[in-house]
């Protein structure tokens, strides 16, 4: 399994609920249909930072997801909410646990 982490700086904090809604309603269902999809998480941090974690079977699928998300951001006209390109880190997952509890 491979993970792709995208860190977005400068996110408009006043519109984070709007962004989160669009991610849940539009982006996640599309990512779930991508080949090799294993999971997706969006983390809201302080000071206008949001980080996403995508899990895919192969590095190529992770790269494709980054291209897909960039296109989705443009198509949804979210550049005023997410004004900066993400810092992307990706690699092979070398340790894992399947106990994931998320409260929304």
PDB file of N, CA and C in Angstrom:
ATOM      1  N   UNK A   1       0.853  -1.171   0.000  1.00  0.00           N
ATOM      2  CA  UNK A   1       0.000   0.000   0.000  1.00  0.00           C
ATOM      3  C   UNK A   1       0.900   1.235   0.000  1.00  0.00           C
ATOM      4  N   UNK A   2       0.404   2.276  -0.674  1.00  0.00           N
ATOM      5  CA  UNK A   2       1.138   3.537  -0.779  1.00  0.00           C
ATOM      6  C   UNK A   2       0.268   4.681  -0.286  1.00  0.00           C
ATOM      7  N   UNK A   3       0.922   5.635   0.365  1.00  0.00           N
ATOM      8  CA  UNK A   3       0.221   6.798   0.909  1.00  0.00           C
ATOM      9  C   UNK A   3       0.680   8.050   0.180  1.00  0.00           C
ATOM     10  N   UNK A   4      -0.259   8.938  -0.056  1.00  0.00           N
ATOM     11  CA  UNK A   4       0.041  10.251  -0.606  1.00  0.00           C
ATOM     12  C   UNK A   4      -0.515  11.287   0.355  1.00  0.00           C
ATOM     13  N   UNK A   5       0.369  12.152   0.833  1.00  0.00           N
ATOM     14  CA  UNK A   5      -0.014  13.208   1.760  1.00  0.00           C
ATOM     15  C   UNK A   5       0.108  14.535   1.025  1.00  0.00           C
ATOM     16  N   UNK A   6      -0.970  15.303   1.053  1.00  0.00           N
ATOM     17  CA  UNK A   6      -0.974  16.625   0.429  1.00  0.00           C
ATOM     18  C   UNK A   6      -1.245  17.663   1.520  1.00  0.00           C
ATOM     19  N   UNK A   7      -0.300  18.570   1.706  1.00  0.00           N
ATOM     20  CA  UNK A   7      -0.455  19.630   2.710  1.00  0.00           C
ATOM     21  C   UNK A   7      -0.783  20.931   1.997  1.00  0.00           C
ATOM     22  N   UNK A   8      -1.933  21.489   2.354  1.00  0.00           N
ATOM     23  CA  UNK A   8      -2.399  22.742   1.765  1.00  0.00           C
ATOM     24  C   UNK A   8      -2.248  23.858   2.795  1.00  0.00           C
ATOM     25  N   UNK A   9      -1.423  24.846   2.484  1.00  0.00           N
ATOM     26  CA  UNK A   9      -1.243  26.015   3.346  1.00  0.00           C
ATOM     27  C   UNK A   9      -2.067  27.174   2.801  1.00  0.00           C
ATOM     28  N   UNK A  10      -2.502  28.061   3.683  1.00  0.00           N
ATOM     29  CA  UNK A  10      -3.226  29.252   3.265  1.00  0.00           C
ATOM     30  C   UNK A  10      -4.686  29.023   2.954  1.00  0.00           C
ATOM     31  N   UNK A  11      -5.262  27.929   3.454  1.00  0.00           N
ATOM     32  CA  UNK A  11      -6.670  27.641   3.223  1.00  0.00           C
ATOM     33  C   UNK A  11      -7.515  28.696   3.943  1.00  0.00           C
ATOM     34  N   UNK A  12      -8.544  29.190   3.280  1.00  0.00           N
ATOM     35  CA  UNK A  12      -9.438  30.188   3.858  1.00  0.00           C
ATOM     36  C   UNK A  12     -10.226  29.545   4.998  1.00  0.00           C
ATOM     37  N   UNK A  13      -9.856  29.869   6.239  1.00  0.00           N
ATOM     38  CA  UNK A  13     -10.475  29.257   7.422  1.00  0.00           C
ATOM     39  C   UNK A  13     -11.962  29.586   7.538  1.00  0.00           C
ATOM     40  N   UNK A  14     -12.380  30.716   6.984  1.00  0.00           N
ATOM     41  CA  UNK A  14     -13.793  31.095   7.040  1.00  0.00           C
ATOM     42  C   UNK A  14     -14.664  30.239   6.123  1.00  0.00           C
ATOM     43  N   UNK A  15     -14.017  29.489   5.222  1.00  0.00           N
ATOM     44  CA  UNK A  15     -14.765  28.669   4.272  1.00  0.00           C
ATOM     45  C   UNK A  15     -14.436  27.184   4.402  1.00  0.00           C
ATOM     46  N   UNK A  16     -13.838  26.793   5.526  1.00  0.00           N
ATOM     47  CA  UNK A  16     -13.438  25.392   5.694  1.00  0.00           C
ATOM     48  C   UNK A  16     -14.643  24.450   5.725  1.00  0.00           C
ATOM     49  N   UNK A  17     -15.770  24.896   6.269  1.00  0.00           N
ATOM     50  CA  UNK A  17     -16.967  24.044   6.283  1.00  0.00           C
ATOM     51  C   UNK A  17     -17.467  23.813   4.855  1.00  0.00           C
ATOM     52  N   UNK A  18     -17.417  24.847   4.035  1.00  0.00           N
ATOM     53  CA  UNK A  18     -17.801  24.713   2.623  1.00  0.00           C
ATOM     54  C   UNK A  18     -16.888  23.717   1.913  1.00  0.00           C
ATOM     55  N   UNK A  19     -15.589  23.847   2.131  1.00  0.00           N
ATOM     56  CA  UNK A  19     -14.616  22.945   1.518  1.00  0.00           C
ATOM     57  C   UNK A  19     -14.846  21.503   1.970  1.00  0.00           C
ATOM     58  N   UNK A  20     -15.021  21.321   3.268  1.00  0.00           N
ATOM     59  CA  UNK A  20     -15.244  19.976   3.807  1.00  0.00           C
ATOM     60  C   UNK A  20     -16.502  19.347   3.218  1.00  0.00           C
ATOM     61  N   UNK A  21     -17.548  20.134   3.092  1.00  0.00           N
ATOM     62  CA  UNK A  21     -18.780  19.637   2.489  1.00  0.00           C
ATOM     63  C   UNK A  21     -18.567  19.182   1.057  1.00  0.00           C
ATOM     64  N   UNK A  22     -17.853  19.985   0.266  1.00  0.00           N
ATOM     65  CA  UNK A  22     -17.591  19.626  -1.125  1.00  0.00           C
ATOM     66  C   UNK A  22     -16.723  18.373  -1.214  1.00  0.00           C
ATOM     67  N   UNK A  23     -15.750  18.261  -0.331  1.00  0.00           N
ATOM     68  CA  UNK A  23     -14.894  17.071  -0.330  1.00  0.00           C
ATOM     69  C   UNK A  23     -15.730  15.827  -0.052  1.00  0.00           C
ATOM     70  N   UNK A  24     -16.563  15.886   0.974  1.00  0.00           N
ATOM     71  CA  UNK A  24     -17.394  14.724   1.334  1.00  0.00           C
ATOM     72  C   UNK A  24     -18.435  14.384   0.268  1.00  0.00           C
ATOM     73  N   UNK A  25     -19.046  15.410  -0.319  1.00  0.00           N
ATOM     74  CA  UNK A  25     -20.137  15.192  -1.271  1.00  0.00           C
ATOM     75  C   UNK A  25     -19.656  14.860  -2.680  1.00  0.00           C
ATOM     76  N   UNK A  26     -18.538  15.433  -3.079  1.00  0.00           N
ATOM     77  CA  UNK A  26     -18.127  15.319  -4.478  1.00  0.00           C
ATOM     78  C   UNK A  26     -16.810  14.580  -4.676  1.00  0.00           C
ATOM     79  N   UNK A  27     -15.790  14.953  -3.921  1.00  0.00           N
ATOM     80  CA  UNK A  27     -14.468  14.366  -4.149  1.00  0.00           C
ATOM     81  C   UNK A  27     -14.372  12.920  -3.682  1.00  0.00           C
ATOM     82  N   UNK A  28     -14.746  12.661  -2.439  1.00  0.00           N
ATOM     83  CA  UNK A  28     -14.579  11.312  -1.883  1.00  0.00           C
ATOM     84  C   UNK A  28     -15.291  10.249  -2.715  1.00  0.00           C
ATOM     85  N   UNK A  29     -16.549  10.458  -3.126  1.00  0.00           N
ATOM     86  CA  UNK A  29     -17.193   9.423  -3.949  1.00  0.00           C
ATOM     87  C   UNK A  29     -16.439   9.129  -5.257  1.00  0.00           C
ATOM     88  N   UNK A  30     -15.806  10.155  -5.831  1.00  0.00           N
ATOM     89  CA  UNK A  30     -15.035   9.957  -7.060  1.00  0.00           C
ATOM     90  C   UNK A  30     -13.730   9.223  -6.776  1.00  0.00           C
ATOM     91  N   UNK A  31     -13.068   9.580  -5.682  1.00  0.00           N
ATOM     92  CA  UNK A  31     -11.831   8.880  -5.322  1.00  0.00           C
ATOM     93  C   UNK A  31     -12.102   7.406  -5.053  1.00  0.00           C
ATOM     94  N   UNK A  32     -13.216   7.117  -4.407  1.00  0.00           N
ATOM     95  CA  UNK A  32     -13.557   5.732  -4.075  1.00  0.00           C
ATOM     96  C   UNK A  32     -13.695   4.849  -5.318  1.00  0.00           C
ATOM     97  N   UNK A  33     -13.982   5.465  -6.464  1.00  0.00           N
ATOM     98  CA  UNK A  33     -14.138   4.707  -7.708  1.00  0.00           C
ATOM     99  C   UNK A  33     -12.819   4.512  -8.450  1.00  0.00           C
ATOM    100  N   UNK A  34     -11.754   5.154  -7.978  1.00  0.00           N
ATOM    101  CA  UNK A  34     -10.466   5.042  -8.656  1.00  0.00           C
ATOM    102  C   UNK A  34      -9.851   3.672  -8.388  1.00  0.00           C
ATOM    103  N   UNK A  35      -9.138   3.131  -9.376  1.00  0.00           N
ATOM    104  CA  UNK A  35      -8.466   1.845  -9.176  1.00  0.00           C
ATOM    105  C   UNK A  35      -7.479   1.907  -8.015  1.00  0.00           C
ATOM    106  N   UNK A  36      -7.483   0.881  -7.193  1.00  0.00           N
ATOM    107  CA  UNK A  36      -6.532   0.765  -6.101  1.00  0.00           C
ATOM    108  C   UNK A  36      -6.846   1.572  -4.865  1.00  0.00           C
ATOM    109  N   UNK A  37      -7.991   2.264  -4.845  1.00  0.00           N
ATOM    110  CA  UNK A  37      -8.343   3.109  -3.700  1.00  0.00           C
ATOM    111  C   UNK A  37      -8.462   2.278  -2.430  1.00  0.00           C
ATOM    112  N   UNK A  38      -7.837   2.761  -1.350  1.00  0.00           N
ATOM    113  CA  UNK A  38      -7.906   2.083  -0.052  1.00  0.00           C
ATOM    114  C   UNK A  38      -8.409   2.978   1.069  1.00  0.00           C
ATOM    115  N   UNK A  39      -8.346   4.307   0.891  1.00  0.00           N
ATOM    116  CA  UNK A  39      -8.838   5.188   1.941  1.00  0.00           C
ATOM    117  C   UNK A  39      -8.453   6.636   1.687  1.00  0.00           C
ATOM    118  N   UNK A  40      -9.185   7.531   2.347  1.00  0.00           N
ATOM    119  CA  UNK A  40      -8.928   8.964   2.227  1.00  0.00           C
ATOM    120  C   UNK A  40      -9.301   9.635   3.538  1.00  0.00           C
ATOM    121  N   UNK A  41      -8.467  10.559   3.965  1.00  0.00           N
ATOM    122  CA  UNK A  41      -8.703  11.321   5.186  1.00  0.00           C
ATOM    123  C   UNK A  41      -8.358  12.776   4.919  1.00  0.00           C
ATOM    124  N   UNK A  42      -9.160  13.693   5.441  1.00  0.00           N
ATOM    125  CA  UNK A  42      -8.874  15.122   5.373  1.00  0.00           C
ATOM    126  C   UNK A  42      -8.742  15.619   6.800  1.00  0.00           C
ATOM    127  N   UNK A  43      -7.619  16.253   7.083  1.00  0.00           N
ATOM    128  CA  UNK A  43      -7.314  16.713   8.437  1.00  0.00           C
ATOM    129  C   UNK A  43      -7.259  18.237   8.436  1.00  0.00           C
ATOM    130  N   UNK A  44      -8.037  18.846   9.323  1.00  0.00           N
ATOM    131  CA  UNK A  44      -8.028  20.297   9.458  1.00  0.00           C
ATOM    132  C   UNK A  44      -7.140  20.659  10.635  1.00  0.00           C
ATOM    133  N   UNK A  45      -6.075  21.399  10.361  1.00  0.00           N
ATOM    134  CA  UNK A  45      -5.162  21.843  11.406  1.00  0.00           C
ATOM    135  C   UNK A  45      -5.388  23.334  11.657  1.00  0.00           C
ATOM    136  N   UNK A  46      -4.572  23.909  12.477  1.00  0.00           N
ATOM    137  CA  UNK A  46      -4.684  25.335  12.778  1.00  0.00           C
ATOM    138  C   UNK A  46      -4.050  26.183  11.679  1.00  0.00           C
ATOM    139  N   UNK A  47      -4.342  27.459  11.720  1.00  0.00           N
ATOM    140  CA  UNK A  47      -3.694  28.470  10.886  1.00  0.00           C
ATOM    141  C   UNK A  47      -3.835  28.230   9.385  1.00  0.00           C
ATOM    142  N   UNK A  48      -4.998  27.759   8.934  1.00  0.00           N
ATOM    143  CA  UNK A  48      -5.230  27.610   7.510  1.00  0.00           C
ATOM    144  C   UNK A  48      -4.506  26.459   6.851  1.00  0.00           C
ATOM    145  N   UNK A  49      -4.220  25.428   7.616  1.00  0.00           N
ATOM    146  CA  UNK A  49      -3.547  24.247   7.062  1.00  0.00           C
ATOM    147  C   UNK A  49      -4.534  23.092   7.029  1.00  0.00           C
ATOM    148  N   UNK A  50      -4.641  22.470   5.859  1.00  0.00           N
ATOM    149  CA  UNK A  50      -5.414  21.234   5.725  1.00  0.00           C
ATOM    150  C   UNK A  50      -4.501  20.222   5.063  1.00  0.00           C
ATOM    151  N   UNK A  51      -4.596  19.001   5.520  1.00  0.00           N
ATOM    152  CA  UNK A  51      -3.767  17.932   4.988  1.00  0.00           C
ATOM    153  C   UNK A  51      -4.668  16.769   4.608  1.00  0.00           C
ATOM    154  N   UNK A  52      -4.396  16.191   3.453  1.00  0.00           N
ATOM    155  CA  UNK A  52      -5.146  14.997   3.060  1.00  0.00           C
ATOM    156  C   UNK A  52      -4.199  13.807   3.001  1.00  0.00           C
ATOM    157  N   UNK A  53      -4.754  12.652   3.290  1.00  0.00           N
ATOM    158  CA  UNK A  53      -4.015  11.397   3.220  1.00  0.00           C
ATOM    159  C   UNK A  53      -4.814  10.463   2.335  1.00  0.00           C
ATOM    160  N   UNK A  54      -4.232  10.061   1.225  1.00  0.00           N
ATOM    161  CA  UNK A  54      -4.859   9.108   0.320  1.00  0.00           C
ATOM    162  C   UNK A  54      -4.077   7.809   0.330  1.00  0.00           C
ATOM    163  N   UNK A  55      -4.787   6.704   0.378  1.00  0.00           N
ATOM    164  CA  UNK A  55      -4.153   5.392   0.384  1.00  0.00           C
ATOM    165  C   UNK A  55      -4.554   4.629  -0.874  1.00  0.00           C
ATOM    166  N   UNK A  56      -3.553   4.132  -1.597  1.00  0.00           N
ATOM    167  CA  UNK A  56      -3.761   3.387  -2.831  1.00  0.00           C
ATOM    168  C   UNK A  56      -2.829   2.182  -2.870  1.00  0.00           C
ATOM    169  N   UNK A  57      -3.139   1.241  -3.742  1.00  0.00           N
ATOM    170  CA  UNK A  57      -2.333   0.024  -3.849  1.00  0.00           C
ATOM    171  C   UNK A  57      -0.943   0.279  -4.416  1.00  0.00           C
ATOM    172  N   UNK A  58      -0.817   1.191  -5.392  1.00  0.00           N
ATOM    173  CA  UNK A  58       0.473   1.404  -6.059  1.00  0.00           C
ATOM    174  C   UNK A  58       0.856   2.882  -6.052  1.00  0.00           C
ATOM    175  N   UNK A  59       2.151   3.173  -6.234  1.00  0.00           N
ATOM    176  CA  UNK A  59       2.577   4.572  -6.311  1.00  0.00           C
ATOM    177  C   UNK A  59       1.951   5.298  -7.503  1.00  0.00           C
ATOM    178  N   UNK A  60       1.784   4.601  -8.608  1.00  0.00           N
ATOM    179  CA  UNK A  60       1.194   5.204  -9.797  1.00  0.00           C
ATOM    180  C   UNK A  60      -0.244   5.642  -9.537  1.00  0.00           C
ATOM    181  N   UNK A  61      -0.986   4.835  -8.812  1.00  0.00           N
ATOM    182  CA  UNK A  61      -2.371   5.192  -8.480  1.00  0.00           C
ATOM    183  C   UNK A  61      -2.403   6.413  -7.567  1.00  0.00           C
ATOM    184  N   UNK A  62      -1.459   6.504  -6.651  1.00  0.00           N
ATOM    185  CA  UNK A  62      -1.359   7.682  -5.789  1.00  0.00           C
ATOM    186  C   UNK A  62      -1.048   8.937  -6.584  1.00  0.00           C
ATOM    187  N   UNK A  63      -0.128   8.837  -7.547  1.00  0.00           N
ATOM    188  CA  UNK A  63       0.194   9.982  -8.403  1.00  0.00           C
ATOM    189  C   UNK A  63      -1.022  10.406  -9.221  1.00  0.00           C
ATOM    190  N   UNK A  64      -1.733   9.415  -9.734  1.00  0.00           N
ATOM    191  CA  UNK A  64      -2.936   9.715 -10.516  1.00  0.00           C
ATOM    192  C   UNK A  64      -3.969  10.422  -9.649  1.00  0.00           C
ATOM    193  N   UNK A  65      -4.076  10.022  -8.384  1.00  0.00           N
ATOM    194  CA  UNK A  65      -5.036  10.678  -7.490  1.00  0.00           C
ATOM    195  C   UNK A  65      -4.662  12.139  -7.259  1.00  0.00           C
ATOM    196  N   UNK A  66      -3.364  12.443  -7.177  1.00  0.00           N
ATOM    197  CA  UNK A  66      -2.932  13.838  -7.005  1.00  0.00           C
ATOM    198  C   UNK A  66      -3.314  14.673  -8.215  1.00  0.00           C
ATOM    199  N   UNK A  67      -3.134  14.121  -9.408  1.00  0.00           N
ATOM    200  CA  UNK A  67      -3.541  14.829 -10.628  1.00  0.00           C
ATOM    201  C   UNK A  67      -5.060  15.030 -10.636  1.00  0.00           C
ATOM    202  N   UNK A  68      -5.776  13.984 -10.235  1.00  0.00           N
ATOM    203  CA  UNK A  68      -7.234  14.050 -10.209  1.00  0.00           C
ATOM    204  C   UNK A  68      -7.712  15.131  -9.231  1.00  0.00           C
ATOM    205  N   UNK A  69      -7.123  15.185  -8.043  1.00  0.00           N
ATOM    206  CA  UNK A  69      -7.525  16.170  -7.035  1.00  0.00           C
ATOM    207  C   UNK A  69      -7.219  17.589  -7.523  1.00  0.00           C
ATOM    208  N   UNK A  70      -6.074  17.790  -8.158  1.00  0.00           N
ATOM    209  CA  UNK A  70      -5.735  19.120  -8.686  1.00  0.00           C
ATOM    210  C   UNK A  70      -6.770  19.571  -9.719  1.00  0.00           C
ATOM    211  N   UNK A  71      -7.175  18.657 -10.584  1.00  0.00           N
ATOM    212  CA  UNK A  71      -8.198  18.967 -11.584  1.00  0.00           C
ATOM    213  C   UNK A  71      -9.535  19.251 -10.907  1.00  0.00           C
ATOM    214  N   UNK A  72      -9.871  18.456  -9.900  1.00  0.00           N
ATOM    215  CA  UNK A  72     -11.121  18.647  -9.166  1.00  0.00           C
ATOM    216  C   UNK A  72     -11.166  20.031  -8.516  1.00  0.00           C
ATOM    217  N   UNK A  73     -10.070  20.454  -7.907  1.00  0.00           N
ATOM    218  CA  UNK A  73     -10.004  21.778  -7.275  1.00  0.00           C
ATOM    219  C   UNK A  73     -10.255  22.866  -8.313  1.00  0.00           C
ATOM    220  N   UNK A  74      -9.643  22.749  -9.501  1.00  0.00           N
ATOM    221  CA  UNK A  74      -9.866  23.731 -10.575  1.00  0.00           C
ATOM    222  C   UNK A  74     -11.312  23.692 -11.056  1.00  0.00           C
ATOM    223  N   UNK A  75     -11.818  22.487 -11.318  1.00  0.00           N
ATOM    224  CA  UNK A  75     -13.184  22.351 -11.838  1.00  0.00           C
ATOM    225  C   UNK A  75     -14.234  22.879 -10.869  1.00  0.00           C
ATOM    226  N   UNK A  76     -13.996  22.689  -9.576  1.00  0.00           N
ATOM    227  CA  UNK A  76     -14.935  23.157  -8.547  1.00  0.00           C
ATOM    228  C   UNK A  76     -14.720  24.629  -8.199  1.00  0.00           C
ATOM    229  N   UNK A  77     -13.719  25.249  -8.843  1.00  0.00           N
ATOM    230  CA  UNK A  77     -13.384  26.660  -8.621  1.00  0.00           C
ATOM    231  C   UNK A  77     -13.100  26.953  -7.142  1.00  0.00           C
ATOM    232  N   UNK A  78     -12.256  26.107  -6.571  1.00  0.00           N
ATOM    233  CA  UNK A  78     -11.904  26.232  -5.155  1.00  0.00           C
ATOM    234  C   UNK A  78     -10.586  26.967  -4.945  1.00  0.00           C
ATOM    235  N   UNK A  79     -10.053  27.582  -5.990  1.00  0.00           N
ATOM    236  CA  UNK A  79      -8.768  28.259  -5.865  1.00  0.00           C
ATOM    237  C   UNK A  79      -8.801  29.459  -4.935  1.00  0.00           C
ATOM    238  N   UNK A  80      -9.992  29.999  -4.636  1.00  0.00           N
ATOM    239  CA  UNK A  80     -10.059  31.089  -3.659  1.00  0.00           C
ATOM    240  C   UNK A  80     -10.043  30.539  -2.225  1.00  0.00           C
ATOM    241  N   UNK A  81     -10.459  29.291  -2.065  1.00  0.00           N
ATOM    242  CA  UNK A  81     -10.398  28.649  -0.743  1.00  0.00           C
ATOM    243  C   UNK A  81      -9.023  28.023  -0.535  1.00  0.00           C
ATOM    244  N   UNK A  82      -8.500  27.409  -1.590  1.00  0.00           N
ATOM    245  CA  UNK A  82      -7.190  26.742  -1.553  1.00  0.00           C
ATOM    246  C   UNK A  82      -6.288  27.472  -2.558  1.00  0.00           C
ATOM    247  N   UNK A  83      -5.656  28.565  -2.147  1.00  0.00           N
ATOM    248  CA  UNK A  83      -4.918  29.387  -3.105  1.00  0.00           C
ATOM    249  C   UNK A  83      -3.536  28.857  -3.499  1.00  0.00           C
ATOM    250  N   UNK A  84      -2.991  27.935  -2.729  1.00  0.00           N
ATOM    251  CA  UNK A  84      -1.619  27.471  -2.959  1.00  0.00           C
ATOM    252  C   UNK A  84      -1.577  26.007  -3.381  1.00  0.00           C
ATOM    253  N   UNK A  85      -0.581  25.688  -4.197  1.00  0.00           N
ATOM    254  CA  UNK A  85      -0.345  24.293  -4.571  1.00  0.00           C
ATOM    255  C   UNK A  85       0.046  23.512  -3.314  1.00  0.00           C
ATOM    256  N   UNK A  86      -0.347  22.246  -3.245  1.00  0.00           N
ATOM    257  CA  UNK A  86       0.004  21.467  -2.055  1.00  0.00           C
ATOM    258  C   UNK A  86       1.457  21.022  -2.067  1.00  0.00           C
ATOM    259  N   UNK A  87       1.960  20.767  -0.886  1.00  0.00           N
ATOM    260  CA  UNK A  87       3.253  20.090  -0.733  1.00  0.00           C
ATOM    261  C   UNK A  87       2.902  18.611  -0.660  1.00  0.00           C
ATOM    262  N   UNK A  88       3.466  17.817  -1.562  1.00  0.00           N
ATOM    263  CA  UNK A  88       3.090  16.412  -1.666  1.00  0.00           C
ATOM    264  C   UNK A  88       4.234  15.517  -1.202  1.00  0.00           C
ATOM    265  N   UNK A  89       3.879  14.571  -0.345  1.00  0.00           N
ATOM    266  CA  UNK A  89       4.798  13.531   0.100  1.00  0.00           C
ATOM    267  C   UNK A  89       4.122  12.200  -0.175  1.00  0.00           C
ATOM    268  N   UNK A  90       4.872  11.259  -0.715  1.00  0.00           N
ATOM    269  CA  UNK A  90       4.275   9.944  -0.949  1.00  0.00           C
ATOM    270  C   UNK A  90       5.318   8.860  -0.712  1.00  0.00           C
ATOM    271  N   UNK A  91       4.805   7.681  -0.414  1.00  0.00           N
ATOM    272  CA  UNK A  91       5.712   6.565  -0.188  1.00  0.00           C
ATOM    273  C   UNK A  91       4.967   5.311   0.200  1.00  0.00           C
ATOM    274  N   UNK A  92       5.732   4.255   0.314  1.00  0.00           N
ATOM    275  CA  UNK A  92       5.179   2.957   0.674  1.00  0.00           C
ATOM    276  C   UNK A  92       4.834   2.946   2.163  1.00  0.00           C
ATOM    277  N   UNK A  93       3.684   2.415   2.487  1.00  0.00           N
ATOM    278  CA  UNK A  93       3.279   2.266   3.882  1.00  0.00           C
ATOM    279  C   UNK A  93       4.031   1.050   4.440  1.00  0.00           C
ATOM    280  N   UNK A  94       4.794   1.268   5.505  1.00  0.00           N
ATOM    281  CA  UNK A  94       5.614   0.184   6.046  1.00  0.00           C
ATOM    282  C   UNK A  94       5.113  -0.334   7.394  1.00  0.00           C
ATOM    283  N   UNK A  95       4.156   0.339   7.992  1.00  0.00           N
ATOM    284  CA  UNK A  95       3.525  -0.126   9.236  1.00  0.00           C
ATOM    285  C   UNK A  95       2.086   0.367   9.221  1.00  0.00           C
ATOM    286  N   UNK A  96       1.186  -0.437   9.731  1.00  0.00           N
ATOM    287  CA  UNK A  96      -0.224  -0.068   9.682  1.00  0.00           C
ATOM    288  C   UNK A  96      -0.993  -0.766  10.792  1.00  0.00           C
ATOM    289  N   UNK A  97      -2.153  -0.230  11.084  1.00  0.00           N
ATOM    290  CA  UNK A  97      -3.129  -0.846  11.973  1.00  0.00           C
ATOM    291  C   UNK A  97      -4.472  -0.647  11.313  1.00  0.00           C
ATOM    292  N   UNK A  98      -5.360  -1.602  11.431  1.00  0.00           N
ATOM    293  CA  UNK A  98      -6.663  -1.464  10.791  1.00  0.00           C
ATOM    294  C   UNK A  98      -7.726  -0.951  11.747  1.00  0.00           C
ATOM    295  N   UNK A  99      -7.349  -0.468  12.892  1.00  0.00           N
ATOM    296  CA  UNK A  99      -8.288   0.109  13.857  1.00  0.00           C
ATOM    297  C   UNK A  99      -8.388   1.603  13.654  1.00  0.00           C
ATOM    298  N   UNK A 100      -9.246   2.010  12.769  1.00  0.00           N
ATOM    299  CA  UNK A 100      -9.419   3.420  12.475  1.00  0.00           C
ATOM    300  C   UNK A 100     -10.800   3.831  12.931  1.00  0.00           C
ATOM    301  N   UNK A 101     -10.835   4.745  13.897  1.00  0.00           N
ATOM    302  CA  UNK A 101     -12.097   5.282  14.399  1.00  0.00           C
ATOM    303  C   UNK A 101     -12.128   6.757  14.084  1.00  0.00           C
ATOM    304  N   UNK A 102     -13.134   7.199  13.364  1.00  0.00           N
ATOM    305  CA  UNK A 102     -13.225   8.594  12.982  1.00  0.00           C
ATOM    306  C   UNK A 102     -14.601   9.123  13.393  1.00  0.00           C
ATOM    307  N   UNK A 103     -14.606  10.245  14.083  1.00  0.00           N
ATOM    308  CA  UNK A 103     -15.858  10.917  14.426  1.00  0.00           C
ATOM    309  C   UNK A 103     -15.994  12.108  13.495  1.00  0.00           C
ATOM    310  N   UNK A 104     -17.131  12.238  12.860  1.00  0.00           N
ATOM    311  CA  UNK A 104     -17.347  13.342  11.925  1.00  0.00           C
ATOM    312  C   UNK A 104     -18.264  14.359  12.555  1.00  0.00           C
TER     313      UNK A 104
END
